[in-house]
Each structure stands twice: as structure tokens, then as C-alpha cells.
């Protein structure tokens, strides 16, 4: 089990310690989730395949090095832009 602890020292009017309050939270599940997320992110980032994440609005949210190699755009050039940037002008039916 992994626990996050928060401590508080209470003092009297003279500034002398009189009590310690401790609150513990089990963060085991959060730690497992963090490890899984980090593992999957490492797989995506190291992949030679282009992996692009976009929202329902068509805006690019993630862009790996494989996508950069395939499309020629760096992540900082694509993040926050519409995915339609990648559709060739001769294929306007795909821009819908």
C-alpha cells in the first residue's frame, strides 16, 4: 500500500506544541494508474508508427515522433491545429 500523509502541528497560545493531527490517504490505485499511463505513453512515444490523438472537434491533442517522421510536422507545429491540415488539397471530400 502507498499512503500520502499530511501532518499538522497545533500549538497553544504560547507557541508550545500541544497536538499533532495526521491524515492518511491510500494512493495505491493512483500510483498504479500513473505507472500504467507512463508505460503506455512510452510505447506511443517510441513507436515508429504515426500515432495522433485528436478530439471530437478535430483538433490535434497528441502527436508522436512517428507522426513527425511520416507527415513532416513537429508536435509543436500540430498540437492545437485541425487534423484537416493533413488532408491533401486534391481530396476536398475528405475535409468534411
C-alpha atoms as a PDB file:
ATOM      1  CA  UNK A   1       0.000   0.000   0.000  1.00  0.00           C
ATOM      2  CA  UNK A   2       1.156   3.522  -0.795  1.00  0.00           C
ATOM      3  CA  UNK A   3      -0.012   6.235   1.572  1.00  0.00           C
ATOM      4  CA  UNK A   4       0.134  10.024   1.369  1.00  0.00           C
ATOM      5  CA  UNK A   5       0.308  11.576   4.845  1.00  0.00           C
ATOM      6  CA  UNK A   6      -0.491  15.136   5.850  1.00  0.00           C
ATOM      7  CA  UNK A   7       0.543  16.355   9.278  1.00  0.00           C
ATOM      8  CA  UNK A   8      -0.499  19.436  11.201  1.00  0.00           C
ATOM      9  CA  UNK A   9       1.132  20.662  14.423  1.00  0.00           C
ATOM     10  CA  UNK A  10      -1.217  22.532  16.759  1.00  0.00           C
ATOM     11  CA  UNK A  11       0.298  24.992  19.229  1.00  0.00           C
ATOM     12  CA  UNK A  12      -1.097  26.702  22.300  1.00  0.00           C
ATOM     13  CA  UNK A  13      -1.165  30.480  22.783  1.00  0.00           C
ATOM     14  CA  UNK A  14       2.448  30.399  23.989  1.00  0.00           C
ATOM     15  CA  UNK A  15       3.552  28.604  20.822  1.00  0.00           C
ATOM     16  CA  UNK A  16       4.185  25.250  22.507  1.00  0.00           C
ATOM     17  CA  UNK A  17       3.224  22.109  20.567  1.00  0.00           C
ATOM     18  CA  UNK A  18       0.083  20.511  22.008  1.00  0.00           C
ATOM     19  CA  UNK A  19      -1.130  18.091  19.337  1.00  0.00           C
ATOM     20  CA  UNK A  20      -0.301  16.546  16.002  1.00  0.00           C
ATOM     21  CA  UNK A  21      -3.047  15.715  13.544  1.00  0.00           C
ATOM     22  CA  UNK A  22      -2.303  13.175  10.827  1.00  0.00           C
ATOM     23  CA  UNK A  23      -4.491  12.376   7.828  1.00  0.00           C
ATOM     24  CA  UNK A  24      -3.538   9.426   5.616  1.00  0.00           C
ATOM     25  CA  UNK A  25      -4.865   8.650   2.144  1.00  0.00           C
ATOM     26  CA  UNK A  26      -4.350   5.355   0.335  1.00  0.00           C
ATOM     27  CA  UNK A  27      -2.977   6.375  -3.072  1.00  0.00           C
ATOM     28  CA  UNK A  28      -2.070   2.858  -4.259  1.00  0.00           C
ATOM     29  CA  UNK A  29      -4.644   2.892  -7.062  1.00  0.00           C
ATOM     30  CA  UNK A  30      -3.478   6.329  -8.212  1.00  0.00           C
ATOM     31  CA  UNK A  31       0.136   5.117  -8.302  1.00  0.00           C
ATOM     32  CA  UNK A  32      -0.849   2.048 -10.360  1.00  0.00           C
ATOM     33  CA  UNK A  33      -2.767   4.292 -12.760  1.00  0.00           C
ATOM     34  CA  UNK A  34       0.207   6.650 -13.057  1.00  0.00           C
ATOM     35  CA  UNK A  35       2.543   3.731 -13.812  1.00  0.00           C
ATOM     36  CA  UNK A  36       0.187   2.370 -16.478  1.00  0.00           C
ATOM     37  CA  UNK A  37      -0.192   5.799 -18.075  1.00  0.00           C
ATOM     38  CA  UNK A  38       3.588   6.307 -18.125  1.00  0.00           C
ATOM     39  CA  UNK A  39       4.108   2.846 -19.640  1.00  0.00           C
ATOM     40  CA  UNK A  40       1.571   3.430 -22.421  1.00  0.00           C
ATOM     41  CA  UNK A  41       2.933   6.920 -23.105  1.00  0.00           C
ATOM     42  CA  UNK A  42       6.444   5.450 -23.503  1.00  0.00           C
ATOM     43  CA  UNK A  43       5.158   2.899 -26.018  1.00  0.00           C
ATOM     44  CA  UNK A  44       3.409   5.587 -28.054  1.00  0.00           C
ATOM     45  CA  UNK A  45       6.351   7.975 -27.951  1.00  0.00           C
ATOM     46  CA  UNK A  46       8.877   5.340 -29.014  1.00  0.00           C
ATOM     47  CA  UNK A  47       6.739   3.895 -31.821  1.00  0.00           C
ATOM     48  CA  UNK A  48       7.831   4.350 -35.423  1.00  0.00           C
ATOM     49  CA  UNK A  49       4.139   4.296 -36.343  1.00  0.00           C
ATOM     50  CA  UNK A  50       2.433   7.654 -36.544  1.00  0.00           C
ATOM     51  CA  UNK A  51       0.086   7.936 -33.591  1.00  0.00           C
ATOM     52  CA  UNK A  52      -2.094  11.028 -33.481  1.00  0.00           C
ATOM     53  CA  UNK A  53      -4.695  11.873 -30.865  1.00  0.00           C
ATOM     54  CA  UNK A  54      -7.486  14.304 -31.682  1.00  0.00           C
ATOM     55  CA  UNK A  55     -10.650  15.461 -30.013  1.00  0.00           C
ATOM     56  CA  UNK A  56     -14.155  15.159 -31.428  1.00  0.00           C
ATOM     57  CA  UNK A  57     -13.663  18.702 -32.697  1.00  0.00           C
ATOM     58  CA  UNK A  58     -10.840  17.517 -34.993  1.00  0.00           C
ATOM     59  CA  UNK A  59      -8.140  19.363 -33.048  1.00  0.00           C
ATOM     60  CA  UNK A  60      -4.841  17.508 -32.608  1.00  0.00           C
ATOM     61  CA  UNK A  61      -4.130  16.799 -28.922  1.00  0.00           C
ATOM     62  CA  UNK A  62      -1.119  14.464 -29.209  1.00  0.00           C
ATOM     63  CA  UNK A  63       1.488  13.773 -31.872  1.00  0.00           C
ATOM     64  CA  UNK A  64       4.332  11.285 -31.600  1.00  0.00           C
ATOM     65  CA  UNK A  65       7.728  11.127 -33.314  1.00  0.00           C
ATOM     66  CA  UNK A  66       6.405   8.550 -35.770  1.00  0.00           C
ATOM     67  CA  UNK A  67       3.779  11.052 -36.945  1.00  0.00           C
ATOM     68  CA  UNK A  68       6.521  13.635 -37.304  1.00  0.00           C
ATOM     69  CA  UNK A  69       8.571  11.267 -39.489  1.00  0.00           C
ATOM     70  CA  UNK A  70       5.569  10.407 -41.672  1.00  0.00           C
ATOM     71  CA  UNK A  71       3.974  13.831 -42.083  1.00  0.00           C
ATOM     72  CA  UNK A  72       6.971  16.129 -41.590  1.00  0.00           C
ATOM     73  CA  UNK A  73       5.361  18.285 -38.902  1.00  0.00           C
ATOM     74  CA  UNK A  74       6.825  18.516 -35.398  1.00  0.00           C
ATOM     75  CA  UNK A  75       4.449  18.159 -32.456  1.00  0.00           C
ATOM     76  CA  UNK A  76       4.678  21.877 -31.666  1.00  0.00           C
ATOM     77  CA  UNK A  77       3.535  22.594 -35.239  1.00  0.00           C
ATOM     78  CA  UNK A  78       0.448  20.373 -34.974  1.00  0.00           C
ATOM     79  CA  UNK A  79      -0.794  20.485 -31.383  1.00  0.00           C
ATOM     80  CA  UNK A  80      -3.894  22.652 -31.223  1.00  0.00           C
ATOM     81  CA  UNK A  81      -4.405  22.640 -35.005  1.00  0.00           C
ATOM     82  CA  UNK A  82      -7.132  20.966 -37.027  1.00  0.00           C
ATOM     83  CA  UNK A  83      -6.349  17.462 -38.311  1.00  0.00           C
ATOM     84  CA  UNK A  84      -7.583  18.609 -41.736  1.00  0.00           C
ATOM     85  CA  UNK A  85      -4.141  20.207 -42.250  1.00  0.00           C
ATOM     86  CA  UNK A  86      -3.029  16.698 -43.238  1.00  0.00           C
ATOM     87  CA  UNK A  87      -5.642  16.242 -45.980  1.00  0.00           C
ATOM     88  CA  UNK A  88      -4.258  16.996 -49.445  1.00  0.00           C
ATOM     89  CA  UNK A  89      -5.978  19.836 -51.335  1.00  0.00           C
ATOM     90  CA  UNK A  90      -6.828  17.426 -54.170  1.00  0.00           C
ATOM     91  CA  UNK A  91      -9.024  15.447 -51.717  1.00  0.00           C
ATOM     92  CA  UNK A  92     -11.521  18.115 -50.580  1.00  0.00           C
ATOM     93  CA  UNK A  93     -14.195  15.443 -49.953  1.00  0.00           C
ATOM     94  CA  UNK A  94     -12.101  14.248 -47.001  1.00  0.00           C
ATOM     95  CA  UNK A  95     -12.149  17.652 -45.288  1.00  0.00           C
ATOM     96  CA  UNK A  96     -15.845  17.367 -44.316  1.00  0.00           C
END
